[in-house]
Amino acid sequence: FMAWQRATGGRIKSDLRFSATVVWNNLPLPEVSDSAREKIIAAGRAVLDARALHPGRSLADHYNPLAMDPTLLKAHDALDRVVDKAFGARKPLRTEEERQEVLFKRYAELTGA
């Protein structure tokens, strides 16, 4: 979602701008199988479990790019992989630009653009 938001939502000053009509309602969400849904849910739970390993940390502490726990980073990478696959990625995506390419391809398929 954040890759889509950064590409379509724009900014107000330096803050990301969220809009239901421009960003959220146009996110090209895929239909997912029960199996894919279960994998996404399990990967999301793994992120929560990794954060629970350090209950005293705030979200800012958890996501400090210079001090992110390797377990949490791996959990997010696994979640990204299953979500990317659900959106149609044929290979692991390494950059936000690659992820945006998949999203815009899916958007074009859905809108006939």
PDB file of N, CA and C in Angstrom:
ATOM      1  N   PHE A   1       0.821  -1.192   0.000  1.00  0.00           N
ATOM      2  CA  PHE A   1       0.000   0.000   0.000  1.00  0.00           C
ATOM      3  C   PHE A   1       0.865   1.257   0.000  1.00  0.00           C
ATOM      4  N   MET A   2       1.926   1.249   0.797  1.00  0.00           N
ATOM      5  CA  MET A   2       2.738   2.468   0.885  1.00  0.00           C
ATOM      6  C   MET A   2       3.427   2.780  -0.443  1.00  0.00           C
ATOM      7  N   ALA A   3       3.843   1.768  -1.190  1.00  0.00           N
ATOM      8  CA  ALA A   3       4.448   2.014  -2.506  1.00  0.00           C
ATOM      9  C   ALA A   3       3.412   2.665  -3.426  1.00  0.00           C
ATOM     10  N   TRP A   4       2.182   2.193  -3.377  1.00  0.00           N
ATOM     11  CA  TRP A   4       1.096   2.768  -4.179  1.00  0.00           C
ATOM     12  C   TRP A   4       0.812   4.196  -3.712  1.00  0.00           C
ATOM     13  N   GLN A   5       0.745   4.384  -2.410  1.00  0.00           N
ATOM     14  CA  GLN A   5       0.437   5.702  -1.854  1.00  0.00           C
ATOM     15  C   GLN A   5       1.492   6.722  -2.254  1.00  0.00           C
ATOM     16  N   ARG A   6       2.755   6.347  -2.146  1.00  0.00           N
ATOM     17  CA  ARG A   6       3.819   7.298  -2.489  1.00  0.00           C
ATOM     18  C   ARG A   6       3.794   7.650  -3.972  1.00  0.00           C
ATOM     19  N   ALA A   7       3.331   6.721  -4.811  1.00  0.00           N
ATOM     20  CA  ALA A   7       3.288   6.975  -6.254  1.00  0.00           C
ATOM     21  C   ALA A   7       2.063   7.784  -6.663  1.00  0.00           C
ATOM     22  N   THR A   8       0.955   7.634  -5.956  1.00  0.00           N
ATOM     23  CA  THR A   8      -0.288   8.255  -6.417  1.00  0.00           C
ATOM     24  C   THR A   8      -0.815   9.374  -5.528  1.00  0.00           C
ATOM     25  N   GLY A   9      -0.414   9.399  -4.266  1.00  0.00           N
ATOM     26  CA  GLY A   9      -1.031  10.315  -3.317  1.00  0.00           C
ATOM     27  C   GLY A   9      -0.430  11.702  -3.249  1.00  0.00           C
ATOM     28  N   GLY A  10       0.822  11.823  -3.589  1.00  0.00           N
ATOM     29  CA  GLY A  10       1.473  13.117  -3.488  1.00  0.00           C
ATOM     30  C   GLY A  10       1.803  13.487  -2.056  1.00  0.00           C
ATOM     31  N   ARG A  11       2.123  14.743  -1.887  1.00  0.00           N
ATOM     32  CA  ARG A  11       2.550  15.233  -0.575  1.00  0.00           C
ATOM     33  C   ARG A  11       1.961  16.608  -0.294  1.00  0.00           C
ATOM     34  N   ILE A  12       1.800  16.880   0.976  1.00  0.00           N
ATOM     35  CA  ILE A  12       1.514  18.217   1.469  1.00  0.00           C
ATOM     36  C   ILE A  12       2.705  18.561   2.333  1.00  0.00           C
ATOM     37  N   LYS A  13       3.444  19.581   1.936  1.00  0.00           N
ATOM     38  CA  LYS A  13       4.762  19.859   2.516  1.00  0.00           C
ATOM     39  C   LYS A  13       5.600  18.605   2.305  1.00  0.00           C
ATOM     40  N   SER A  14       6.109  18.026   3.383  1.00  0.00           N
ATOM     41  CA  SER A  14       6.886  16.798   3.239  1.00  0.00           C
ATOM     42  C   SER A  14       6.086  15.570   3.679  1.00  0.00           C
ATOM     43  N   ASP A  15       4.840  15.785   4.121  1.00  0.00           N
ATOM     44  CA  ASP A  15       4.003  14.693   4.606  1.00  0.00           C
ATOM     45  C   ASP A  15       3.282  14.008   3.455  1.00  0.00           C
ATOM     46  N   LEU A  16       3.118  12.689   3.573  1.00  0.00           N
ATOM     47  CA  LEU A  16       2.354  11.955   2.579  1.00  0.00           C
ATOM     48  C   LEU A  16       0.895  12.390   2.641  1.00  0.00           C
ATOM     49  N   ARG A  17       0.261  12.508   1.479  1.00  0.00           N
ATOM     50  CA  ARG A  17      -1.143  12.911   1.398  1.00  0.00           C
ATOM     51  C   ARG A  17      -1.982  11.666   1.099  1.00  0.00           C
ATOM     52  N   PHE A  18      -2.936  11.389   1.964  1.00  0.00           N
ATOM     53  CA  PHE A  18      -3.822  10.240   1.783  1.00  0.00           C
ATOM     54  C   PHE A  18      -5.166  10.726   1.285  1.00  0.00           C
ATOM     55  N   SER A  19      -5.726   9.996   0.355  1.00  0.00           N
ATOM     56  CA  SER A  19      -7.023  10.341  -0.191  1.00  0.00           C
ATOM     57  C   SER A  19      -7.781   9.061  -0.513  1.00  0.00           C
ATOM     58  N   ALA A  20      -9.021   8.972  -0.068  1.00  0.00           N
ATOM     59  CA  ALA A  20      -9.819   7.775  -0.358  1.00  0.00           C
ATOM     60  C   ALA A  20     -10.074   7.658  -1.855  1.00  0.00           C
ATOM     61  N   THR A  21     -10.329   8.765  -2.521  1.00  0.00           N
ATOM     62  CA  THR A  21     -10.697   8.689  -3.941  1.00  0.00           C
ATOM     63  C   THR A  21      -9.496   8.544  -4.863  1.00  0.00           C
ATOM     64  N   VAL A  22      -8.352   9.089  -4.486  1.00  0.00           N
ATOM     65  CA  VAL A  22      -7.189   9.025  -5.361  1.00  0.00           C
ATOM     66  C   VAL A  22      -6.290   7.837  -5.021  1.00  0.00           C
ATOM     67  N   VAL A  23      -6.129   7.550  -3.763  1.00  0.00           N
ATOM     68  CA  VAL A  23      -5.182   6.515  -3.348  1.00  0.00           C
ATOM     69  C   VAL A  23      -5.894   5.208  -3.027  1.00  0.00           C
ATOM     70  N   TRP A  24      -6.681   5.201  -1.967  1.00  0.00           N
ATOM     71  CA  TRP A  24      -7.232   3.947  -1.468  1.00  0.00           C
ATOM     72  C   TRP A  24      -8.180   3.284  -2.464  1.00  0.00           C
ATOM     73  N   ASN A  25      -9.131   4.021  -3.014  1.00  0.00           N
ATOM     74  CA  ASN A  25     -10.130   3.411  -3.897  1.00  0.00           C
ATOM     75  C   ASN A  25      -9.545   2.965  -5.229  1.00  0.00           C
ATOM     76  N   ASN A  26      -8.345   3.367  -5.556  1.00  0.00           N
ATOM     77  CA  ASN A  26      -7.706   2.962  -6.805  1.00  0.00           C
ATOM     78  C   ASN A  26      -6.613   1.919  -6.618  1.00  0.00           C
ATOM     79  N   LEU A  27      -6.362   1.518  -5.381  1.00  0.00           N
ATOM     80  CA  LEU A  27      -5.362   0.479  -5.126  1.00  0.00           C
ATOM     81  C   LEU A  27      -5.815  -0.802  -5.824  1.00  0.00           C
ATOM     82  N   PRO A  28      -5.009  -1.345  -6.711  1.00  0.00           N
ATOM     83  CA  PRO A  28      -5.446  -2.504  -7.497  1.00  0.00           C
ATOM     84  C   PRO A  28      -5.355  -3.825  -6.727  1.00  0.00           C
ATOM     85  N   LEU A  29      -6.209  -3.941  -5.706  1.00  0.00           N
ATOM     86  CA  LEU A  29      -6.207  -5.139  -4.863  1.00  0.00           C
ATOM     87  C   LEU A  29      -6.555  -6.372  -5.685  1.00  0.00           C
ATOM     88  N   PRO A  30      -5.797  -7.429  -5.498  1.00  0.00           N
ATOM     89  CA  PRO A  30      -6.089  -8.665  -6.227  1.00  0.00           C
ATOM     90  C   PRO A  30      -7.102  -9.526  -5.478  1.00  0.00           C
ATOM     91  N   GLU A  31      -7.774 -10.379  -6.217  1.00  0.00           N
ATOM     92  CA  GLU A  31      -8.525 -11.465  -5.587  1.00  0.00           C
ATOM     93  C   GLU A  31      -7.471 -12.464  -5.112  1.00  0.00           C
ATOM     94  N   VAL A  32      -7.612 -12.958  -3.909  1.00  0.00           N
ATOM     95  CA  VAL A  32      -6.630 -13.922  -3.415  1.00  0.00           C
ATOM     96  C   VAL A  32      -7.329 -15.224  -3.040  1.00  0.00           C
ATOM     97  N   SER A  33      -6.635 -16.305  -3.263  1.00  0.00           N
ATOM     98  CA  SER A  33      -7.154 -17.620  -2.889  1.00  0.00           C
ATOM     99  C   SER A  33      -7.124 -17.750  -1.372  1.00  0.00           C
ATOM    100  N   ASP A  34      -7.851 -18.736  -0.872  1.00  0.00           N
ATOM    101  CA  ASP A  34      -7.818 -18.991   0.573  1.00  0.00           C
ATOM    102  C   ASP A  34      -6.403 -19.314   1.031  1.00  0.00           C
ATOM    103  N   SER A  35      -5.672 -20.055   0.206  1.00  0.00           N
ATOM    104  CA  SER A  35      -4.298 -20.415   0.543  1.00  0.00           C
ATOM    105  C   SER A  35      -3.413 -19.173   0.643  1.00  0.00           C
ATOM    106  N   ALA A  36      -3.532 -18.284  -0.328  1.00  0.00           N
ATOM    107  CA  ALA A  36      -2.734 -17.053  -0.302  1.00  0.00           C
ATOM    108  C   ALA A  36      -3.118 -16.193   0.894  1.00  0.00           C
ATOM    109  N   ARG A  37      -4.408 -16.111   1.172  1.00  0.00           N
ATOM    110  CA  ARG A  37      -4.879 -15.325   2.324  1.00  0.00           C
ATOM    111  C   ARG A  37      -4.282 -15.877   3.618  1.00  0.00           C
ATOM    112  N   GLU A  38      -4.260 -17.193   3.759  1.00  0.00           N
ATOM    113  CA  GLU A  38      -3.683 -17.810   4.954  1.00  0.00           C
ATOM    114  C   GLU A  38      -2.196 -17.506   5.069  1.00  0.00           C
ATOM    115  N   LYS A  39      -1.481 -17.508   3.942  1.00  0.00           N
ATOM    116  CA  LYS A  39      -0.045 -17.196   3.970  1.00  0.00           C
ATOM    117  C   LYS A  39       0.184 -15.738   4.361  1.00  0.00           C
ATOM    118  N   ILE A  40      -0.653 -14.841   3.858  1.00  0.00           N
ATOM    119  CA  ILE A  40      -0.519 -13.421   4.202  1.00  0.00           C
ATOM    120  C   ILE A  40      -0.794 -13.220   5.691  1.00  0.00           C
ATOM    121  N   ILE A  41      -1.832 -13.853   6.193  1.00  0.00           N
ATOM    122  CA  ILE A  41      -2.170 -13.727   7.616  1.00  0.00           C
ATOM    123  C   ILE A  41      -1.044 -14.285   8.482  1.00  0.00           C
ATOM    124  N   ALA A  42      -0.514 -15.435   8.117  1.00  0.00           N
ATOM    125  CA  ALA A  42       0.586 -16.033   8.893  1.00  0.00           C
ATOM    126  C   ALA A  42       1.815 -15.135   8.876  1.00  0.00           C
ATOM    127  N   ALA A  43       2.113 -14.550   7.717  1.00  0.00           N
ATOM    128  CA  ALA A  43       3.275 -13.652   7.629  1.00  0.00           C
ATOM    129  C   ALA A  43       3.046 -12.393   8.454  1.00  0.00           C
ATOM    130  N   GLY A  44       1.832 -11.885   8.463  1.00  0.00           N
ATOM    131  CA  GLY A  44       1.509 -10.723   9.303  1.00  0.00           C
ATOM    132  C   GLY A  44       1.644 -11.043  10.779  1.00  0.00           C
ATOM    133  N   ARG A  45       1.204 -12.228  11.158  1.00  0.00           N
ATOM    134  CA  ARG A  45       1.359 -12.653  12.561  1.00  0.00           C
ATOM    135  C   ARG A  45       2.829 -12.775  12.937  1.00  0.00           C
ATOM    136  N   ALA A  46       3.657 -13.219  11.995  1.00  0.00           N
ATOM    137  CA  ALA A  46       5.096 -13.326  12.269  1.00  0.00           C
ATOM    138  C   ALA A  46       5.700 -11.951  12.547  1.00  0.00           C
ATOM    139  N   VAL A  47       5.202 -10.920  11.861  1.00  0.00           N
ATOM    140  CA  VAL A  47       5.658  -9.550  12.142  1.00  0.00           C
ATOM    141  C   VAL A  47       5.273  -9.168  13.569  1.00  0.00           C
ATOM    142  N   LEU A  48       4.026  -9.439  13.936  1.00  0.00           N
ATOM    143  CA  LEU A  48       3.588  -9.127  15.304  1.00  0.00           C
ATOM    144  C   LEU A  48       4.377  -9.919  16.343  1.00  0.00           C
ATOM    145  N   ASP A  49       4.635 -11.186  16.046  1.00  0.00           N
ATOM    146  CA  ASP A  49       5.426 -12.016  16.967  1.00  0.00           C
ATOM    147  C   ASP A  49       6.840 -11.471  17.124  1.00  0.00           C
ATOM    148  N   ALA A  50       7.434 -11.010  16.027  1.00  0.00           N
ATOM    149  CA  ALA A  50       8.790 -10.451  16.093  1.00  0.00           C
ATOM    150  C   ALA A  50       8.808  -9.169  16.926  1.00  0.00           C
ATOM    151  N   ARG A  51       7.764  -8.361  16.792  1.00  0.00           N
ATOM    152  CA  ARG A  51       7.701  -7.146  17.614  1.00  0.00           C
ATOM    153  C   ARG A  51       7.485  -7.498  19.075  1.00  0.00           C
ATOM    154  N   ALA A  52       6.747  -8.569  19.337  1.00  0.00           N
ATOM    155  CA  ALA A  52       6.470  -8.976  20.720  1.00  0.00           C
ATOM    156  C   ALA A  52       7.718  -9.465  21.448  1.00  0.00           C
ATOM    157  N   LEU A  53       8.765  -9.787  20.702  1.00  0.00           N
ATOM    158  CA  LEU A  53      10.022 -10.197  21.344  1.00  0.00           C
ATOM    159  C   LEU A  53      10.649  -9.062  22.146  1.00  0.00           C
ATOM    160  N   HIS A  54      10.251  -7.815  21.825  1.00  0.00           N
ATOM    161  CA  HIS A  54      10.783  -6.629  22.508  1.00  0.00           C
ATOM    162  C   HIS A  54       9.615  -5.735  22.919  1.00  0.00           C
ATOM    163  N   PRO A  55       8.854  -6.155  23.938  1.00  0.00           N
ATOM    164  CA  PRO A  55       7.626  -5.432  24.295  1.00  0.00           C
ATOM    165  C   PRO A  55       7.849  -4.003  24.787  1.00  0.00           C
ATOM    166  N   GLY A  56       9.024  -3.688  25.234  1.00  0.00           N
ATOM    167  CA  GLY A  56       9.286  -2.344  25.730  1.00  0.00           C
ATOM    168  C   GLY A  56       9.585  -1.329  24.639  1.00  0.00           C
ATOM    169  N   ARG A  57       9.747  -1.781  23.422  1.00  0.00           N
ATOM    170  CA  ARG A  57      10.085  -0.868  22.326  1.00  0.00           C
ATOM    171  C   ARG A  57       8.833  -0.209  21.750  1.00  0.00           C
ATOM    172  N   SER A  58       8.976   1.054  21.420  1.00  0.00           N
ATOM    173  CA  SER A  58       7.905   1.751  20.711  1.00  0.00           C
ATOM    174  C   SER A  58       7.994   1.380  19.222  1.00  0.00           C
ATOM    175  N   LEU A  59       6.980   1.730  18.456  1.00  0.00           N
ATOM    176  CA  LEU A  59       7.048   1.486  17.012  1.00  0.00           C
ATOM    177  C   LEU A  59       8.226   2.239  16.398  1.00  0.00           C
ATOM    178  N   ALA A  60       8.495   3.440  16.889  1.00  0.00           N
ATOM    179  CA  ALA A  60       9.644   4.198  16.389  1.00  0.00           C
ATOM    180  C   ALA A  60      10.936   3.436  16.648  1.00  0.00           C
ATOM    181  N   ASP A  61      11.035   2.819  17.815  1.00  0.00           N
ATOM    182  CA  ASP A  61      12.229   2.022  18.127  1.00  0.00           C
ATOM    183  C   ASP A  61      12.302   0.780  17.243  1.00  0.00           C
ATOM    184  N   HIS A  62      11.163   0.102  17.066  1.00  0.00           N
ATOM    185  CA  HIS A  62      11.139  -1.099  16.226  1.00  0.00           C
ATOM    186  C   HIS A  62      11.598  -0.804  14.802  1.00  0.00           C
ATOM    187  N   TYR A  63      11.212   0.351  14.290  1.00  0.00           N
ATOM    188  CA  TYR A  63      11.449   0.647  12.877  1.00  0.00           C
ATOM    189  C   TYR A  63      12.564   1.666  12.636  1.00  0.00           C
ATOM    190  N   ASN A  64      13.410   1.857  13.631  1.00  0.00           N
ATOM    191  CA  ASN A  64      14.602   2.677  13.449  1.00  0.00           C
ATOM    192  C   ASN A  64      15.499   1.952  12.441  1.00  0.00           C
ATOM    193  N   PRO A  65      15.744   2.548  11.267  1.00  0.00           N
ATOM    194  CA  PRO A  65      16.495   1.825  10.234  1.00  0.00           C
ATOM    195  C   PRO A  65      17.916   1.455  10.655  1.00  0.00           C
ATOM    196  N   LEU A  66      18.451   2.134  11.631  1.00  0.00           N
ATOM    197  CA  LEU A  66      19.808   1.827  12.071  1.00  0.00           C
ATOM    198  C   LEU A  66      19.846   0.779  13.182  1.00  0.00           C
ATOM    199  N   ALA A  67      18.674   0.429  13.727  1.00  0.00           N
ATOM    200  CA  ALA A  67      18.667  -0.494  14.859  1.00  0.00           C
ATOM    201  C   ALA A  67      17.520  -1.506  14.788  1.00  0.00           C
ATOM    202  N   MET A  68      17.015  -1.778  13.599  1.00  0.00           N
ATOM    203  CA  MET A  68      15.894  -2.710  13.467  1.00  0.00           C
ATOM    204  C   MET A  68      16.353  -4.136  13.770  1.00  0.00           C
ATOM    205  N   ASP A  69      15.587  -4.826  14.604  1.00  0.00           N
ATOM    206  CA  ASP A  69      15.914  -6.194  14.974  1.00  0.00           C
ATOM    207  C   ASP A  69      15.899  -7.082  13.723  1.00  0.00           C
ATOM    208  N   PRO A  70      16.917  -7.915  13.535  1.00  0.00           N
ATOM    209  CA  PRO A  70      16.973  -8.782  12.348  1.00  0.00           C
ATOM    210  C   PRO A  70      15.764  -9.711  12.219  1.00  0.00           C
ATOM    211  N   THR A  71      15.207 -10.155  13.340  1.00  0.00           N
ATOM    212  CA  THR A  71      14.033 -11.020  13.288  1.00  0.00           C
ATOM    213  C   THR A  71      12.841 -10.281  12.700  1.00  0.00           C
ATOM    214  N   LEU A  72      12.668  -9.022  13.083  1.00  0.00           N
ATOM    215  CA  LEU A  72      11.581  -8.203  12.562  1.00  0.00           C
ATOM    216  C   LEU A  72      11.801  -7.907  11.082  1.00  0.00           C
ATOM    217  N   LEU A  73      13.019  -7.613  10.719  1.00  0.00           N
ATOM    218  CA  LEU A  73      13.335  -7.345   9.312  1.00  0.00           C
ATOM    219  C   LEU A  73      13.030  -8.568   8.445  1.00  0.00           C
ATOM    220  N   LYS A  74      13.419  -9.749   8.907  1.00  0.00           N
ATOM    221  CA  LYS A  74      13.140 -10.984   8.160  1.00  0.00           C
ATOM    222  C   LYS A  74      11.648 -11.239   8.056  1.00  0.00           C
ATOM    223  N   ALA A  75      10.912 -10.963   9.126  1.00  0.00           N
ATOM    224  CA  ALA A  75       9.462 -11.160   9.103  1.00  0.00           C
ATOM    225  C   ALA A  75       8.809 -10.230   8.086  1.00  0.00           C
ATOM    226  N   HIS A  76       9.272  -8.984   8.039  1.00  0.00           N
ATOM    227  CA  HIS A  76       8.720  -8.048   7.051  1.00  0.00           C
ATOM    228  C   HIS A  76       9.084  -8.469   5.632  1.00  0.00           C
ATOM    229  N   ASP A  77      10.298  -8.946   5.432  1.00  0.00           N
ATOM    230  CA  ASP A  77      10.697  -9.425   4.105  1.00  0.00           C
ATOM    231  C   ASP A  77       9.800 -10.581   3.660  1.00  0.00           C
ATOM    232  N   ALA A  78       9.500 -11.500   4.570  1.00  0.00           N
ATOM    233  CA  ALA A  78       8.629 -12.631   4.237  1.00  0.00           C
ATOM    234  C   ALA A  78       7.212 -12.157   3.920  1.00  0.00           C
ATOM    235  N   LEU A  79       6.718 -11.194   4.677  1.00  0.00           N
ATOM    236  CA  LEU A  79       5.394 -10.637   4.405  1.00  0.00           C
ATOM    237  C   LEU A  79       5.377  -9.944   3.042  1.00  0.00           C
ATOM    238  N   ASP A  80       6.401  -9.165   2.757  1.00  0.00           N
ATOM    239  CA  ASP A  80       6.493  -8.505   1.444  1.00  0.00           C
ATOM    240  C   ASP A  80       6.442  -9.531   0.313  1.00  0.00           C
ATOM    241  N   ARG A  81       7.161 -10.631   0.463  1.00  0.00           N
ATOM    242  CA  ARG A  81       7.203 -11.636  -0.603  1.00  0.00           C
ATOM    243  C   ARG A  81       5.827 -12.237  -0.884  1.00  0.00           C
ATOM    244  N   VAL A  82       5.075 -12.583   0.162  1.00  0.00           N
ATOM    245  CA  VAL A  82       3.768 -13.192  -0.084  1.00  0.00           C
ATOM    246  C   VAL A  82       2.764 -12.174  -0.619  1.00  0.00           C
ATOM    247  N   VAL A  83       2.852 -10.935  -0.168  1.00  0.00           N
ATOM    248  CA  VAL A  83       1.947  -9.902  -0.683  1.00  0.00           C
ATOM    249  C   VAL A  83       2.318  -9.564  -2.131  1.00  0.00           C
ATOM    250  N   ASP A  84       3.611  -9.419  -2.400  1.00  0.00           N
ATOM    251  CA  ASP A  84       4.043  -9.142  -3.776  1.00  0.00           C
ATOM    252  C   ASP A  84       3.558 -10.235  -4.719  1.00  0.00           C
ATOM    253  N   LYS A  85       3.665 -11.472  -4.294  1.00  0.00           N
ATOM    254  CA  LYS A  85       3.214 -12.591  -5.129  1.00  0.00           C
ATOM    255  C   LYS A  85       1.711 -12.500  -5.367  1.00  0.00           C
ATOM    256  N   ALA A  86       0.951 -12.144  -4.336  1.00  0.00           N
ATOM    257  CA  ALA A  86      -0.502 -12.001  -4.486  1.00  0.00           C
ATOM    258  C   ALA A  86      -0.850 -10.921  -5.508  1.00  0.00           C
ATOM    259  N   PHE A  87      -0.023  -9.880  -5.591  1.00  0.00           N
ATOM    260  CA  PHE A  87      -0.250  -8.799  -6.549  1.00  0.00           C
ATOM    261  C   PHE A  87       0.247  -9.153  -7.946  1.00  0.00           C
ATOM    262  N   GLY A  88       0.920 -10.298  -8.083  1.00  0.00           N
ATOM    263  CA  GLY A  88       1.333 -10.737  -9.408  1.00  0.00           C
ATOM    264  C   GLY A  88       2.813 -10.699  -9.677  1.00  0.00           C
ATOM    265  N   ALA A  89       3.629 -10.421  -8.677  1.00  0.00           N
ATOM    266  CA  ALA A  89       5.079 -10.411  -8.883  1.00  0.00           C
ATOM    267  C   ALA A  89       5.552 -11.810  -9.244  1.00  0.00           C
ATOM    268  N   ARG A  90       6.377 -11.900 -10.248  1.00  0.00           N
ATOM    269  CA  ARG A  90       6.883 -13.195 -10.706  1.00  0.00           C
ATOM    270  C   ARG A  90       8.233 -13.537 -10.075  1.00  0.00           C
ATOM    271  N   LYS A  91       8.849 -12.543  -9.409  1.00  0.00           N
ATOM    272  CA  LYS A  91      10.148 -12.736  -8.780  1.00  0.00           C
ATOM    273  C   LYS A  91      10.184 -11.870  -7.531  1.00  0.00           C
ATOM    274  N   PRO A  92      11.118 -12.127  -6.633  1.00  0.00           N
ATOM    275  CA  PRO A  92      11.223 -11.244  -5.456  1.00  0.00           C
ATOM    276  C   PRO A  92      11.515  -9.812  -5.894  1.00  0.00           C
ATOM    277  N   LEU A  93      10.789  -8.872  -5.316  1.00  0.00           N
ATOM    278  CA  LEU A  93      10.966  -7.464  -5.642  1.00  0.00           C
ATOM    279  C   LEU A  93      11.961  -6.854  -4.671  1.00  0.00           C
ATOM    280  N   ARG A  94      12.908  -6.114  -5.201  1.00  0.00           N
ATOM    281  CA  ARG A  94      13.988  -5.562  -4.373  1.00  0.00           C
ATOM    282  C   ARG A  94      13.834  -4.068  -4.101  1.00  0.00           C
ATOM    283  N   THR A  95      13.117  -3.367  -4.969  1.00  0.00           N
ATOM    284  CA  THR A  95      13.027  -1.916  -4.820  1.00  0.00           C
ATOM    285  C   THR A  95      11.568  -1.463  -4.859  1.00  0.00           C
ATOM    286  N   GLU A  96      11.332  -0.276  -4.389  1.00  0.00           N
ATOM    287  CA  GLU A  96       9.993   0.292  -4.459  1.00  0.00           C
ATOM    288  C   GLU A  96       9.568   0.480  -5.916  1.00  0.00           C
ATOM    289  N   GLU A  97      10.510   0.826  -6.778  1.00  0.00           N
ATOM    290  CA  GLU A  97      10.189   1.008  -8.196  1.00  0.00           C
ATOM    291  C   GLU A  97       9.694  -0.306  -8.817  1.00  0.00           C
ATOM    292  N   GLU A  98      10.330  -1.426  -8.481  1.00  0.00           N
ATOM    293  CA  GLU A  98       9.867  -2.717  -8.983  1.00  0.00           C
ATOM    294  C   GLU A  98       8.449  -3.010  -8.480  1.00  0.00           C
ATOM    295  N   ARG A  99       8.204  -2.687  -7.233  1.00  0.00           N
ATOM    296  CA  ARG A  99       6.875  -2.918  -6.653  1.00  0.00           C
ATOM    297  C   ARG A  99       5.851  -2.023  -7.341  1.00  0.00           C
ATOM    298  N   GLN A 100       6.205  -0.781  -7.612  1.00  0.00           N
ATOM    299  CA  GLN A 100       5.280   0.123  -8.292  1.00  0.00           C
ATOM    300  C   GLN A 100       4.994  -0.343  -9.720  1.00  0.00           C
ATOM    301  N   GLU A 101       5.984  -0.905 -10.386  1.00  0.00           N
ATOM    302  CA  GLU A 101       5.753  -1.453 -11.726  1.00  0.00           C
ATOM    303  C   GLU A 101       4.682  -2.541 -11.684  1.00  0.00           C
ATOM    304  N   VAL A 102       4.768  -3.436 -10.705  1.00  0.00           N
ATOM    305  CA  VAL A 102       3.773  -4.502 -10.559  1.00  0.00           C
ATOM    306  C   VAL A 102       2.401  -3.897 -10.277  1.00  0.00           C
ATOM    307  N   LEU A 103       2.345  -2.914  -9.394  1.00  0.00           N
ATOM    308  CA  LEU A 103       1.073  -2.287  -9.044  1.00  0.00           C
ATOM    309  C   LEU A 103       0.444  -1.587 -10.246  1.00  0.00           C
ATOM    310  N   PHE A 104       1.236  -0.836 -11.003  1.00  0.00           N
ATOM    311  CA  PHE A 104       0.677  -0.117 -12.146  1.00  0.00           C
ATOM    312  C   PHE A 104       0.304  -1.069 -13.283  1.00  0.00           C
ATOM    313  N   LYS A 105       1.012  -2.160 -13.430  1.00  0.00           N
ATOM    314  CA  LYS A 105       0.628  -3.168 -14.420  1.00  0.00           C
ATOM    315  C   LYS A 105      -0.731  -3.745 -14.031  1.00  0.00           C
ATOM    316  N   ARG A 106      -0.883  -4.069 -12.761  1.00  0.00           N
ATOM    317  CA  ARG A 106      -2.163  -4.600 -12.280  1.00  0.00           C
ATOM    318  C   ARG A 106      -3.272  -3.568 -12.457  1.00  0.00           C
ATOM    319  N   TYR A 107      -2.995  -2.320 -12.163  1.00  0.00           N
ATOM    320  CA  TYR A 107      -3.979  -1.254 -12.334  1.00  0.00           C
ATOM    321  C   TYR A 107      -4.403  -1.162 -13.806  1.00  0.00           C
ATOM    322  N   ALA A 108      -3.436  -1.224 -14.707  1.00  0.00           N
ATOM    323  CA  ALA A 108      -3.745  -1.158 -16.139  1.00  0.00           C
ATOM    324  C   ALA A 108      -4.626  -2.344 -16.563  1.00  0.00           C
ATOM    325  N   GLU A 109      -4.318  -3.523 -16.044  1.00  0.00           N
ATOM    326  CA  GLU A 109      -5.132  -4.699 -16.364  1.00  0.00           C
ATOM    327  C   GLU A 109      -6.561  -4.530 -15.879  1.00  0.00           C
ATOM    328  N   LEU A 110      -6.733  -3.974 -14.695  1.00  0.00           N
ATOM    329  CA  LEU A 110      -8.076  -3.806 -14.131  1.00  0.00           C
ATOM    330  C   LEU A 110      -8.883  -2.714 -14.823  1.00  0.00           C
ATOM    331  N   THR A 111      -8.197  -1.686 -15.316  1.00  0.00           N
ATOM    332  CA  THR A 111      -8.911  -0.545 -15.911  1.00  0.00           C
ATOM    333  C   THR A 111      -8.940  -0.595 -17.427  1.00  0.00           C
ATOM    334  N   GLY A 112      -8.205  -1.529 -18.021  1.00  0.00           N
ATOM    335  CA  GLY A 112      -8.158  -1.594 -19.473  1.00  0.00           C
ATOM    336  C   GLY A 112      -7.341  -0.473 -20.087  1.00  0.00           C
ATOM    337  N   ALA A 113      -6.493   0.126 -19.284  1.00  0.00           N
ATOM    338  CA  ALA A 113      -5.675   1.259 -19.774  1.00  0.00           C
ATOM    339  C   ALA A 113      -4.477   0.749 -20.586  1.00  0.00           C
TER     340      ALA A 113
END
